[in-house]
Every structure is written in structure tokens, then in C-alpha cells.
Amino acid sequence: MKFAKWSFLLGLVLCLLPLPVRAVDPPAPPDRFTLAEQRTYLPAELSEYIDGQAAWYILYGCRKLDHFRYTSPDGRTVVLDAYETDSPLNAHGLYLDQGQGLADRLGLGGPSSGDQYSAALVKGPYLFQVSTDHPGPDSPDLLTGLLQSVSVLIPSGPLPPELDWLPVENRDEATYRLVKDGVLRLSLLPFGFSADYHAGDRHVSLGLAVFDSPELARSAFDRTVEEQISAKRAKRVNPPGLPPEWTALDLGQRGGLLLTPHGRYVLCSSRLTDLNHAVPLFNSLISRLP
């Protein structure tokens, strides 16, 4: 009886211990290359490899980095970095931060882009980045081929649905971001999405802050307006024709700022020389929200 009791306790302790992190199996090396180095970096170790950017990757849910370095007899080096995040949305957020938008430029089954120096692919919860220290005419095919070898290991699936919320028409894809440090630089709207849009001969910024409840969204909206006015960074204006919940602020040389709560979201638009430029953006965004 005592043996059964201690066996149960030992099993419980083993279940509660953290499981060891398993490295990704090394992809097959490119032709004439061999695997020279393989290492797995946990979040606490990321700064050893990407000092100065580690905190940013951790902010976007990086669980680990599997690093592979391949070398060839003629001294060339190709590096593959596989970042595993805690969700497909965070992986896509890391990729969007590179300013490439969501197009699959390399035909790899997920947002991808590259040149003769480096290439990247996001698929599922993974961000893959490859680079070479000896770019040449064959580099794009070399890097794309290595990404292809890891792409087939990840099941294809739809993009995270949240990435379809911001309107697509007239959007500057290079500016599309998943934001975790303040939507449109408004600190009380910490998490959401933003992008710039063409409005005539100008650009305006559109943001969507996401909260867990309508009550939290409304509180953040009220505090944002109050903060802007009390700090004398803005003054309230009342252009005709806006819905009652839409609040317009004049930021002086920084243009106009338009905000409104909507369910568990806060919509905002800045850099407005004409507040009417934000009206179709808001209406389109509201129509796309779940």
C-alpha cells in the first residue's frame, strides 16, 4: 500500500515537471552544404543571439529559436532560424514587423518574401528566416529552396481571421502591423492593428485596439480622450455630420485624431488633414468586425 502511495506521488511530481524542449529536426542541407551548427535558444537565452531584439521577439510570444548554420566547401554560409511562437497570430505579427505585408511572394504557402541576401516565411506559429553571407546569382533559389524544405513540414491553413479585419482597399501593405506597444502610439490602447491608407494625395493612419470586453474598451477610449486633452496635446472639435460616439480631436501640427468605441474595440485614425477621410475607413472597418 505504501509502495502504491509513493508511486502515485512520484508520478504526480514527474507530471508537474517541465518537459524538455525538443529542437526542430534539421532540414536537409542545400546541395554542396553540410550542417555545421545546430542550437536551440530559449527565451532567456535569445539575447545571446539577437541582442537588442530579444525582448521584441519575446513580446510576440517567442517560445524558442532553433538555429541551423550550413557551410559549403568553398566557404559559403547559409543560416536558417526557426522561431516558434505561442500562436499563429503572433508569428504573423513578427513577420509583419519586417514591412512586407501578407503576400506570398515566394509561393511557399504563407506570407513570404526575399532577395539575394535573406528570405522569410511565416506559416502557422512559426517564423522562418534564412540568410547568406555570400550573396550571388543563385542565392534567391538557394534561400527559397531551404524555406521550401521547412514549409512542407508545417500544415497549410488559413491566416488568423483577425488579420482580415482592417480594410484592404488603399492599404499600404508595408505599414500593416500587429501592435503590442500602443495602437497609433496611444499608450492606453496597447494591443491591436494599424496601417496607413492612401487618401487622395496623402496618407492617413487607421488603428484598431482590441479589448476583452466592451467595458474595458469604453474605459480606454474615455481615458485616451481625457489624457490627450488634459495634457494639452489636443483640443476637442465638433465637425458636422459625425455620429455622436465619434470624437474628433485637433492635434495641431500633427493633424486630426478621430476615435470611437465599438463593442470591445476602439477605432482610431490619425494624421488627418480632413476628418472626412476617416469616415469611409471607419465604416468599412466596422462592417468587417465580427
C-alpha atoms as a PDB file:
ATOM      1  CA  MET A   1       0.000   0.000   0.000  1.00  0.00           C
ATOM      2  CA  LYS A   2       2.840   2.351   0.899  1.00  0.00           C
ATOM      3  CA  PHE A   3       4.575   1.471  -2.375  1.00  0.00           C
ATOM      4  CA  ALA A   4       1.440   2.377  -4.346  1.00  0.00           C
ATOM      5  CA  LYS A   5       1.175   5.674  -2.464  1.00  0.00           C
ATOM      6  CA  TRP A   6       4.777   6.682  -3.177  1.00  0.00           C
ATOM      7  CA  SER A   7       4.497   5.541  -6.796  1.00  0.00           C
ATOM      8  CA  PHE A   8       1.476   7.821  -7.211  1.00  0.00           C
ATOM      9  CA  LEU A   9       3.304  10.777  -5.640  1.00  0.00           C
ATOM     10  CA  LEU A  10       6.386  10.206  -7.781  1.00  0.00           C
ATOM     11  CA  GLY A  11       4.244  10.059 -10.908  1.00  0.00           C
ATOM     12  CA  LEU A  12       2.484  13.284  -9.921  1.00  0.00           C
ATOM     13  CA  VAL A  13       5.800  15.084  -9.414  1.00  0.00           C
ATOM     14  CA  LEU A  14       7.104  13.876 -12.781  1.00  0.00           C
ATOM     15  CA  CYS A  15       3.934  15.103 -14.473  1.00  0.00           C
ATOM     16  CA  LEU A  16       4.363  18.551 -12.963  1.00  0.00           C
ATOM     17  CA  LEU A  17       7.995  18.916 -14.033  1.00  0.00           C
ATOM     18  CA  PRO A  18       8.506  20.999 -17.215  1.00  0.00           C
ATOM     19  CA  LEU A  19       9.012  18.906 -20.289  1.00  0.00           C
ATOM     20  CA  PRO A  20      12.352  19.310 -22.071  1.00  0.00           C
ATOM     21  CA  VAL A  21      12.209  21.491 -25.171  1.00  0.00           C
ATOM     22  CA  ARG A  22      12.635  19.469 -28.306  1.00  0.00           C
ATOM     23  CA  ALA A  23      14.588  21.040 -31.117  1.00  0.00           C
ATOM     24  CA  VAL A  24      13.245  21.060 -34.646  1.00  0.00           C
ATOM     25  CA  ASP A  25      14.831  18.368 -36.770  1.00  0.00           C
ATOM     26  CA  PRO A  26      17.415  19.971 -39.061  1.00  0.00           C
ATOM     27  CA  PRO A  27      16.092  20.409 -42.597  1.00  0.00           C
ATOM     28  CA  ALA A  28      18.055  18.751 -45.341  1.00  0.00           C
ATOM     29  CA  PRO A  29      21.027  20.944 -46.270  1.00  0.00           C
ATOM     30  CA  PRO A  30      21.157  22.622 -49.669  1.00  0.00           C
ATOM     31  CA  ASP A  31      23.302  20.986 -52.353  1.00  0.00           C
ATOM     32  CA  ARG A  32      27.034  21.040 -51.506  1.00  0.00           C
ATOM     33  CA  PHE A  33      26.274  22.248 -47.950  1.00  0.00           C
ATOM     34  CA  THR A  34      26.599  20.397 -44.662  1.00  0.00           C
ATOM     35  CA  LEU A  35      25.155  21.164 -41.231  1.00  0.00           C
ATOM     36  CA  ALA A  36      27.897  22.885 -39.238  1.00  0.00           C
ATOM     37  CA  GLU A  37      25.969  24.095 -36.183  1.00  0.00           C
ATOM     38  CA  GLN A  38      22.623  23.474 -34.500  1.00  0.00           C
ATOM     39  CA  ARG A  39      21.391  25.121 -31.310  1.00  0.00           C
ATOM     40  CA  THR A  40      18.109  25.813 -29.564  1.00  0.00           C
ATOM     41  CA  TYR A  41      17.682  29.135 -27.738  1.00  0.00           C
ATOM     42  CA  LEU A  42      15.012  29.523 -25.063  1.00  0.00           C
ATOM     43  CA  PRO A  43      13.547  32.991 -24.371  1.00  0.00           C
ATOM     44  CA  ALA A  44      16.023  33.683 -21.557  1.00  0.00           C
ATOM     45  CA  GLU A  45      18.869  32.915 -23.968  1.00  0.00           C
ATOM     46  CA  LEU A  46      17.677  34.845 -27.019  1.00  0.00           C
ATOM     47  CA  SER A  47      19.805  37.886 -26.215  1.00  0.00           C
ATOM     48  CA  GLU A  48      22.896  35.731 -26.768  1.00  0.00           C
ATOM     49  CA  TYR A  49      21.939  35.531 -30.437  1.00  0.00           C
ATOM     50  CA  ILE A  50      19.797  38.588 -31.193  1.00  0.00           C
ATOM     51  CA  ASP A  51      20.956  41.087 -28.593  1.00  0.00           C
ATOM     52  CA  GLY A  52      18.822  44.215 -28.710  1.00  0.00           C
ATOM     53  CA  GLN A  53      15.848  42.450 -30.329  1.00  0.00           C
ATOM     54  CA  ALA A  54      15.239  39.590 -27.911  1.00  0.00           C
ATOM     55  CA  ALA A  55      12.650  41.497 -25.859  1.00  0.00           C
ATOM     56  CA  TRP A  56      10.670  42.260 -29.022  1.00  0.00           C
ATOM     57  CA  TYR A  57      10.533  38.592 -30.037  1.00  0.00           C
ATOM     58  CA  ILE A  58       9.514  37.592 -26.517  1.00  0.00           C
ATOM     59  CA  LEU A  59       6.769  40.240 -26.580  1.00  0.00           C
ATOM     60  CA  TYR A  60       5.393  38.446 -29.634  1.00  0.00           C
ATOM     61  CA  GLY A  61       5.288  35.106 -27.836  1.00  0.00           C
ATOM     62  CA  CYS A  62       8.560  33.517 -28.975  1.00  0.00           C
ATOM     63  CA  ARG A  63       8.904  30.197 -27.164  1.00  0.00           C
ATOM     64  CA  LYS A  64      12.202  29.174 -28.671  1.00  0.00           C
ATOM     65  CA  LEU A  65      14.544  29.628 -31.597  1.00  0.00           C
ATOM     66  CA  ASP A  66      16.080  26.699 -33.467  1.00  0.00           C
ATOM     67  CA  HIS A  67      19.223  27.901 -35.199  1.00  0.00           C
ATOM     68  CA  PHE A  68      20.932  25.995 -38.036  1.00  0.00           C
ATOM     69  CA  ARG A  69      24.118  27.005 -39.821  1.00  0.00           C
ATOM     70  CA  TYR A  70      25.162  25.283 -43.054  1.00  0.00           C
ATOM     71  CA  THR A  71      28.546  25.629 -44.741  1.00  0.00           C
ATOM     72  CA  SER A  72      29.929  24.641 -48.153  1.00  0.00           C
ATOM     73  CA  PRO A  73      33.455  23.596 -49.188  1.00  0.00           C
ATOM     74  CA  ASP A  74      34.027  26.965 -50.860  1.00  0.00           C
ATOM     75  CA  GLY A  75      33.422  28.835 -47.588  1.00  0.00           C
ATOM     76  CA  ARG A  76      29.825  29.952 -48.056  1.00  0.00           C
ATOM     77  CA  THR A  77      27.436  30.029 -45.100  1.00  0.00           C
ATOM     78  CA  VAL A  78      23.651  29.783 -45.011  1.00  0.00           C
ATOM     79  CA  VAL A  79      21.713  30.271 -41.774  1.00  0.00           C
ATOM     80  CA  LEU A  80      18.177  29.116 -41.005  1.00  0.00           C
ATOM     81  CA  ASP A  81      16.429  30.477 -37.912  1.00  0.00           C
ATOM     82  CA  ALA A  82      13.110  28.897 -36.920  1.00  0.00           C
ATOM     83  CA  TYR A  83      11.191  30.973 -34.364  1.00  0.00           C
ATOM     84  CA  GLU A  84       8.371  29.093 -32.655  1.00  0.00           C
ATOM     85  CA  THR A  85       5.724  31.388 -31.137  1.00  0.00           C
ATOM     86  CA  ASP A  86       2.697  30.698 -28.976  1.00  0.00           C
ATOM     87  CA  SER A  87       0.158  31.406 -31.733  1.00  0.00           C
ATOM     88  CA  PRO A  88      -0.116  31.881 -35.500  1.00  0.00           C
ATOM     89  CA  LEU A  89      -1.221  35.486 -34.889  1.00  0.00           C
ATOM     90  CA  ASN A  90       1.988  36.317 -33.024  1.00  0.00           C
ATOM     91  CA  ALA A  91       4.119  34.639 -35.688  1.00  0.00           C
ATOM     92  CA  HIS A  92       2.442  36.743 -38.349  1.00  0.00           C
ATOM     93  CA  GLY A  93       2.915  39.813 -36.169  1.00  0.00           C
ATOM     94  CA  LEU A  94       6.666  39.239 -36.106  1.00  0.00           C
ATOM     95  CA  TYR A  95       6.684  38.856 -39.877  1.00  0.00           C
ATOM     96  CA  LEU A  96       4.559  41.976 -40.450  1.00  0.00           C
ATOM     97  CA  ASP A  97       7.098  43.946 -38.421  1.00  0.00           C
ATOM     98  CA  GLN A  98       9.517  43.396 -41.336  1.00  0.00           C
ATOM     99  CA  GLY A  99       7.284  45.582 -43.525  1.00  0.00           C
ATOM    100  CA  GLN A 100       6.474  43.002 -46.189  1.00  0.00           C
ATOM    101  CA  GLY A 101       2.717  42.676 -45.844  1.00  0.00           C
ATOM    102  CA  LEU A 102       0.932  39.345 -46.208  1.00  0.00           C
ATOM    103  CA  ALA A 103       1.671  38.456 -49.848  1.00  0.00           C
ATOM    104  CA  ASP A 104       3.164  35.037 -50.604  1.00  0.00           C
ATOM    105  CA  ARG A 105       5.874  36.426 -52.887  1.00  0.00           C
ATOM    106  CA  LEU A 106       7.894  33.204 -52.959  1.00  0.00           C
ATOM    107  CA  GLY A 107       4.973  30.800 -53.479  1.00  0.00           C
ATOM    108  CA  LEU A 108       5.600  28.882 -50.255  1.00  0.00           C
ATOM    109  CA  GLY A 109       2.070  28.621 -48.912  1.00  0.00           C
ATOM    110  CA  GLY A 110       2.291  31.504 -46.447  1.00  0.00           C
ATOM    111  CA  PRO A 111       3.341  35.156 -46.346  1.00  0.00           C
ATOM    112  CA  SER A 112       6.884  35.179 -47.698  1.00  0.00           C
ATOM    113  CA  SER A 113       9.470  37.471 -49.253  1.00  0.00           C
ATOM    114  CA  GLY A 114      13.164  37.585 -50.008  1.00  0.00           C
ATOM    115  CA  ASP A 115      16.122  38.727 -52.075  1.00  0.00           C
ATOM    116  CA  GLN A 116      19.693  37.543 -52.655  1.00  0.00           C
ATOM    117  CA  TYR A 117      20.667  38.296 -49.037  1.00  0.00           C
ATOM    118  CA  SER A 118      17.797  36.881 -46.988  1.00  0.00           C
ATOM    119  CA  ALA A 119      14.278  35.477 -47.124  1.00  0.00           C
ATOM    120  CA  ALA A 120      11.466  34.812 -44.682  1.00  0.00           C
ATOM    121  CA  LEU A 121       8.306  32.754 -44.413  1.00  0.00           C
ATOM    122  CA  VAL A 122       5.567  32.650 -41.784  1.00  0.00           C
ATOM    123  CA  LYS A 123       3.391  29.575 -41.510  1.00  0.00           C
ATOM    124  CA  GLY A 124       1.273  28.517 -38.570  1.00  0.00           C
ATOM    125  CA  PRO A 125       3.024  29.538 -35.323  1.00  0.00           C
ATOM    126  CA  TYR A 126       6.467  29.622 -36.982  1.00  0.00           C
ATOM    127  CA  LEU A 127       8.556  32.409 -38.464  1.00  0.00           C
ATOM    128  CA  PHE A 128      11.412  31.113 -40.618  1.00  0.00           C
ATOM    129  CA  GLN A 129      14.282  33.377 -41.636  1.00  0.00           C
ATOM    130  CA  VAL A 130      17.214  32.411 -43.873  1.00  0.00           C
ATOM    131  CA  SER A 131      20.271  34.410 -44.860  1.00  0.00           C
ATOM    132  CA  THR A 132      23.666  34.003 -46.517  1.00  0.00           C
ATOM    133  CA  ASP A 133      26.976  35.770 -46.076  1.00  0.00           C
ATOM    134  CA  HIS A 134      27.922  35.282 -49.745  1.00  0.00           C
ATOM    135  CA  PRO A 135      25.031  36.543 -51.907  1.00  0.00           C
ATOM    136  CA  GLY A 136      25.214  35.674 -55.576  1.00  0.00           C
ATOM    137  CA  PRO A 137      23.067  34.920 -58.614  1.00  0.00           C
ATOM    138  CA  ASP A 138      21.999  31.576 -57.141  1.00  0.00           C
ATOM    139  CA  SER A 139      21.201  32.971 -53.681  1.00  0.00           C
ATOM    140  CA  PRO A 140      17.440  33.535 -54.176  1.00  0.00           C
ATOM    141  CA  ASP A 141      16.941  29.935 -55.321  1.00  0.00           C
ATOM    142  CA  LEU A 142      19.201  28.664 -52.547  1.00  0.00           C
ATOM    143  CA  LEU A 143      17.343  30.520 -49.807  1.00  0.00           C
ATOM    144  CA  THR A 144      13.889  29.799 -51.213  1.00  0.00           C
ATOM    145  CA  GLY A 145      14.754  26.112 -51.506  1.00  0.00           C
ATOM    146  CA  LEU A 146      15.725  25.949 -47.843  1.00  0.00           C
ATOM    147  CA  LEU A 147      12.475  27.634 -46.843  1.00  0.00           C
ATOM    148  CA  GLN A 148      10.588  25.197 -49.054  1.00  0.00           C
ATOM    149  CA  SER A 149      12.155  22.273 -47.191  1.00  0.00           C
ATOM    150  CA  VAL A 150      10.741  23.518 -43.876  1.00  0.00           C
ATOM    151  CA  SER A 151       7.453  24.758 -45.322  1.00  0.00           C
ATOM    152  CA  VAL A 152       6.344  21.252 -46.254  1.00  0.00           C
ATOM    153  CA  LEU A 153       6.694  20.223 -42.606  1.00  0.00           C
ATOM    154  CA  ILE A 154       4.025  22.719 -41.456  1.00  0.00           C
ATOM    155  CA  PRO A 155       0.385  22.029 -42.375  1.00  0.00           C
ATOM    156  CA  SER A 156      -1.215  24.702 -44.513  1.00  0.00           C
ATOM    157  CA  GLY A 157      -4.103  26.628 -43.036  1.00  0.00           C
ATOM    158  CA  PRO A 158      -5.956  29.925 -43.283  1.00  0.00           C
ATOM    159  CA  LEU A 159      -4.496  33.145 -41.995  1.00  0.00           C
ATOM    160  CA  PRO A 160      -5.575  34.147 -38.486  1.00  0.00           C
ATOM    161  CA  PRO A 161      -9.019  35.738 -39.006  1.00  0.00           C
ATOM    162  CA  GLU A 162      -8.004  38.890 -37.097  1.00  0.00           C
ATOM    163  CA  LEU A 163      -5.632  39.770 -39.933  1.00  0.00           C
ATOM    164  CA  ASP A 164      -8.658  40.316 -42.183  1.00  0.00           C
ATOM    165  CA  TRP A 165     -10.262  42.978 -40.007  1.00  0.00           C
ATOM    166  CA  LEU A 166      -8.525  46.085 -41.341  1.00  0.00           C
ATOM    167  CA  PRO A 167      -9.850  47.184 -44.761  1.00  0.00           C
ATOM    168  CA  VAL A 168      -7.700  46.118 -47.696  1.00  0.00           C
ATOM    169  CA  GLU A 169      -8.607  48.810 -50.231  1.00  0.00           C
ATOM    170  CA  ASN A 170      -5.985  51.589 -50.467  1.00  0.00           C
ATOM    171  CA  ARG A 171      -3.927  49.999 -47.666  1.00  0.00           C
ATOM    172  CA  ASP A 172      -0.157  50.467 -47.723  1.00  0.00           C
ATOM    173  CA  GLU A 173       0.888  46.862 -47.090  1.00  0.00           C
ATOM    174  CA  ALA A 174       4.370  47.846 -45.911  1.00  0.00           C
ATOM    175  CA  THR A 175       2.789  49.625 -42.920  1.00  0.00           C
ATOM    176  CA  TYR A 176       0.427  46.858 -41.786  1.00  0.00           C
ATOM    177  CA  ARG A 177       1.251  45.882 -38.179  1.00  0.00           C
ATOM    178  CA  LEU A 178       0.086  43.793 -35.256  1.00  0.00           C
ATOM    179  CA  VAL A 179       0.681  46.290 -32.430  1.00  0.00           C
ATOM    180  CA  LYS A 180       1.594  45.468 -28.846  1.00  0.00           C
ATOM    181  CA  ASP A 181       3.064  48.764 -27.678  1.00  0.00           C
ATOM    182  CA  GLY A 182       0.234  51.238 -28.296  1.00  0.00           C
ATOM    183  CA  VAL A 183      -2.022  51.495 -31.346  1.00  0.00           C
ATOM    184  CA  LEU A 184      -1.139  54.713 -33.210  1.00  0.00           C
ATOM    185  CA  ARG A 185       1.254  55.398 -30.304  1.00  0.00           C
ATOM    186  CA  LEU A 186      -1.638  55.782 -27.861  1.00  0.00           C
ATOM    187  CA  SER A 187      -0.414  54.024 -24.723  1.00  0.00           C
ATOM    188  CA  LEU A 188      -3.898  53.385 -23.316  1.00  0.00           C
ATOM    189  CA  LEU A 189      -4.726  51.385 -26.465  1.00  0.00           C
ATOM    190  CA  PRO A 190      -1.963  48.797 -26.046  1.00  0.00           C
ATOM    191  CA  PHE A 191      -2.952  45.934 -28.366  1.00  0.00           C
ATOM    192  CA  GLY A 192      -4.410  45.855 -31.854  1.00  0.00           C
ATOM    193  CA  PHE A 193      -3.694  46.537 -35.512  1.00  0.00           C
ATOM    194  CA  SER A 194      -2.690  49.524 -37.609  1.00  0.00           C
ATOM    195  CA  ALA A 195      -1.875  50.506 -41.180  1.00  0.00           C
ATOM    196  CA  ASP A 196      -1.573  53.578 -43.366  1.00  0.00           C
ATOM    197  CA  TYR A 197      -4.038  54.265 -46.160  1.00  0.00           C
ATOM    198  CA  HIS A 198      -3.919  56.378 -49.291  1.00  0.00           C
ATOM    199  CA  ALA A 199      -6.428  59.224 -49.065  1.00  0.00           C
ATOM    200  CA  GLY A 200      -6.080  61.326 -52.163  1.00  0.00           C
ATOM    201  CA  ASP A 201      -2.515  62.595 -52.250  1.00  0.00           C
ATOM    202  CA  ARG A 202      -1.973  61.966 -48.534  1.00  0.00           C
ATOM    203  CA  HIS A 203      -1.599  59.077 -46.103  1.00  0.00           C
ATOM    204  CA  VAL A 204      -3.780  58.619 -43.027  1.00  0.00           C
ATOM    205  CA  SER A 205      -3.270  56.069 -40.253  1.00  0.00           C
ATOM    206  CA  LEU A 206      -6.014  53.683 -39.151  1.00  0.00           C
ATOM    207  CA  GLY A 207      -5.878  51.725 -35.908  1.00  0.00           C
ATOM    208  CA  LEU A 208      -7.994  49.121 -34.174  1.00  0.00           C
ATOM    209  CA  ALA A 209      -7.445  48.488 -30.459  1.00  0.00           C
ATOM    210  CA  VAL A 210      -8.815  45.196 -29.129  1.00  0.00           C
ATOM    211  CA  PHE A 211     -10.002  44.585 -25.555  1.00  0.00           C
ATOM    212  CA  ASP A 212     -11.532  41.698 -23.642  1.00  0.00           C
ATOM    213  CA  SER A 213     -14.865  43.437 -23.106  1.00  0.00           C
ATOM    214  CA  PRO A 214     -16.903  46.449 -24.233  1.00  0.00           C
ATOM    215  CA  GLU A 215     -16.499  47.925 -20.747  1.00  0.00           C
ATOM    216  CA  LEU A 216     -12.699  47.869 -20.977  1.00  0.00           C
ATOM    217  CA  ALA A 217     -12.832  49.350 -24.488  1.00  0.00           C
ATOM    218  CA  ARG A 218     -15.110  52.179 -23.354  1.00  0.00           C
ATOM    219  CA  SER A 219     -12.886  52.948 -20.361  1.00  0.00           C
ATOM    220  CA  ALA A 220      -9.758  53.034 -22.523  1.00  0.00           C
ATOM    221  CA  PHE A 221     -11.498  55.308 -25.024  1.00  0.00           C
ATOM    222  CA  ASP A 222     -12.636  57.769 -22.326  1.00  0.00           C
ATOM    223  CA  ARG A 223      -9.202  57.833 -20.679  1.00  0.00           C
ATOM    224  CA  THR A 224      -7.430  58.327 -24.013  1.00  0.00           C
ATOM    225  CA  VAL A 225      -9.566  61.357 -24.887  1.00  0.00           C
ATOM    226  CA  GLU A 226      -9.137  62.778 -21.380  1.00  0.00           C
ATOM    227  CA  GLU A 227      -5.372  62.250 -21.460  1.00  0.00           C
ATOM    228  CA  GLN A 228      -4.965  63.961 -24.817  1.00  0.00           C
ATOM    229  CA  ILE A 229      -6.982  66.986 -23.711  1.00  0.00           C
ATOM    230  CA  SER A 230      -5.654  67.298 -20.139  1.00  0.00           C
ATOM    231  CA  ALA A 231      -2.051  67.121 -21.338  1.00  0.00           C
ATOM    232  CA  LYS A 232      -2.873  69.959 -23.741  1.00  0.00           C
ATOM    233  CA  ARG A 233      -1.811  67.834 -26.683  1.00  0.00           C
ATOM    234  CA  ALA A 234      -5.227  68.175 -28.275  1.00  0.00           C
ATOM    235  CA  LYS A 235      -8.498  70.067 -28.211  1.00  0.00           C
ATOM    236  CA  ARG A 236     -11.939  68.734 -28.956  1.00  0.00           C
ATOM    237  CA  VAL A 237     -13.589  69.774 -32.211  1.00  0.00           C
ATOM    238  CA  ASN A 238     -17.137  69.175 -33.427  1.00  0.00           C
ATOM    239  CA  PRO A 239     -17.280  68.794 -37.202  1.00  0.00           C
ATOM    240  CA  PRO A 240     -20.818  68.403 -38.521  1.00  0.00           C
ATOM    241  CA  GLY A 241     -22.189  65.057 -39.590  1.00  0.00           C
ATOM    242  CA  LEU A 242     -20.214  62.733 -37.311  1.00  0.00           C
ATOM    243  CA  PRO A 243     -22.106  60.083 -35.286  1.00  0.00           C
ATOM    244  CA  PRO A 244     -22.464  61.020 -31.589  1.00  0.00           C
ATOM    245  CA  GLU A 245     -19.944  58.430 -30.355  1.00  0.00           C
ATOM    246  CA  TRP A 246     -17.216  59.588 -32.728  1.00  0.00           C
ATOM    247  CA  THR A 247     -14.840  62.010 -31.009  1.00  0.00           C
ATOM    248  CA  ALA A 248     -12.637  64.362 -33.051  1.00  0.00           C
ATOM    249  CA  LEU A 249      -9.504  65.977 -31.642  1.00  0.00           C
ATOM    250  CA  ASP A 250      -7.234  68.618 -33.149  1.00  0.00           C
ATOM    251  CA  LEU A 251      -3.569  67.761 -32.529  1.00  0.00           C
ATOM    252  CA  GLY A 252      -2.213  70.925 -34.118  1.00  0.00           C
ATOM    253  CA  GLN A 253       0.661  70.244 -36.496  1.00  0.00           C
ATOM    254  CA  ARG A 254       0.079  66.503 -36.108  1.00  0.00           C
ATOM    255  CA  GLY A 255      -3.315  66.807 -37.753  1.00  0.00           C
ATOM    256  CA  GLY A 256      -6.647  65.446 -36.583  1.00  0.00           C
ATOM    257  CA  LEU A 257      -7.379  62.376 -34.474  1.00  0.00           C
ATOM    258  CA  LEU A 258     -10.709  60.568 -34.663  1.00  0.00           C
ATOM    259  CA  LEU A 259     -11.742  57.894 -32.138  1.00  0.00           C
ATOM    260  CA  THR A 260     -14.811  55.858 -31.298  1.00  0.00           C
ATOM    261  CA  PRO A 261     -15.616  52.828 -29.149  1.00  0.00           C
ATOM    262  CA  HIS A 262     -17.380  49.944 -30.865  1.00  0.00           C
ATOM    263  CA  GLY A 263     -18.159  46.871 -28.789  1.00  0.00           C
ATOM    264  CA  ARG A 264     -14.888  45.543 -27.426  1.00  0.00           C
ATOM    265  CA  TYR A 265     -12.888  47.654 -29.869  1.00  0.00           C
ATOM    266  CA  VAL A 266     -11.680  51.229 -30.162  1.00  0.00           C
ATOM    267  CA  LEU A 267     -11.283  52.618 -33.676  1.00  0.00           C
ATOM    268  CA  CYS A 268      -8.855  55.459 -34.222  1.00  0.00           C
ATOM    269  CA  SER A 269      -7.431  57.402 -37.136  1.00  0.00           C
ATOM    270  CA  SER A 270      -4.665  59.999 -37.080  1.00  0.00           C
ATOM    271  CA  ARG A 271      -2.665  62.305 -39.360  1.00  0.00           C
ATOM    272  CA  LEU A 272      -5.942  63.692 -40.656  1.00  0.00           C
ATOM    273  CA  THR A 273      -5.929  66.990 -42.521  1.00  0.00           C
ATOM    274  CA  ASP A 274      -9.581  66.309 -43.311  1.00  0.00           C
ATOM    275  CA  LEU A 275     -11.597  64.299 -40.770  1.00  0.00           C
ATOM    276  CA  ASN A 276     -13.865  63.105 -43.572  1.00  0.00           C
ATOM    277  CA  HIS A 277     -11.012  60.925 -44.834  1.00  0.00           C
ATOM    278  CA  ALA A 278     -11.513  58.644 -41.822  1.00  0.00           C
ATOM    279  CA  VAL A 279     -15.274  58.238 -42.235  1.00  0.00           C
ATOM    280  CA  PRO A 280     -15.207  55.583 -45.012  1.00  0.00           C
ATOM    281  CA  LEU A 281     -12.340  53.805 -43.256  1.00  0.00           C
ATOM    282  CA  PHE A 282     -14.308  53.576 -40.003  1.00  0.00           C
ATOM    283  CA  ASN A 283     -17.449  52.406 -41.783  1.00  0.00           C
ATOM    284  CA  SER A 284     -15.544  49.773 -43.722  1.00  0.00           C
ATOM    285  CA  LEU A 285     -13.730  48.568 -40.611  1.00  0.00           C
ATOM    286  CA  ILE A 286     -16.947  48.318 -38.596  1.00  0.00           C
ATOM    287  CA  SER A 287     -18.525  46.231 -41.354  1.00  0.00           C
ATOM    288  CA  ARG A 288     -15.615  43.743 -41.207  1.00  0.00           C
ATOM    289  CA  LEU A 289     -15.558  43.189 -37.444  1.00  0.00           C
ATOM    290  CA  PRO A 290     -17.111  40.002 -36.050  1.00  0.00           C
END
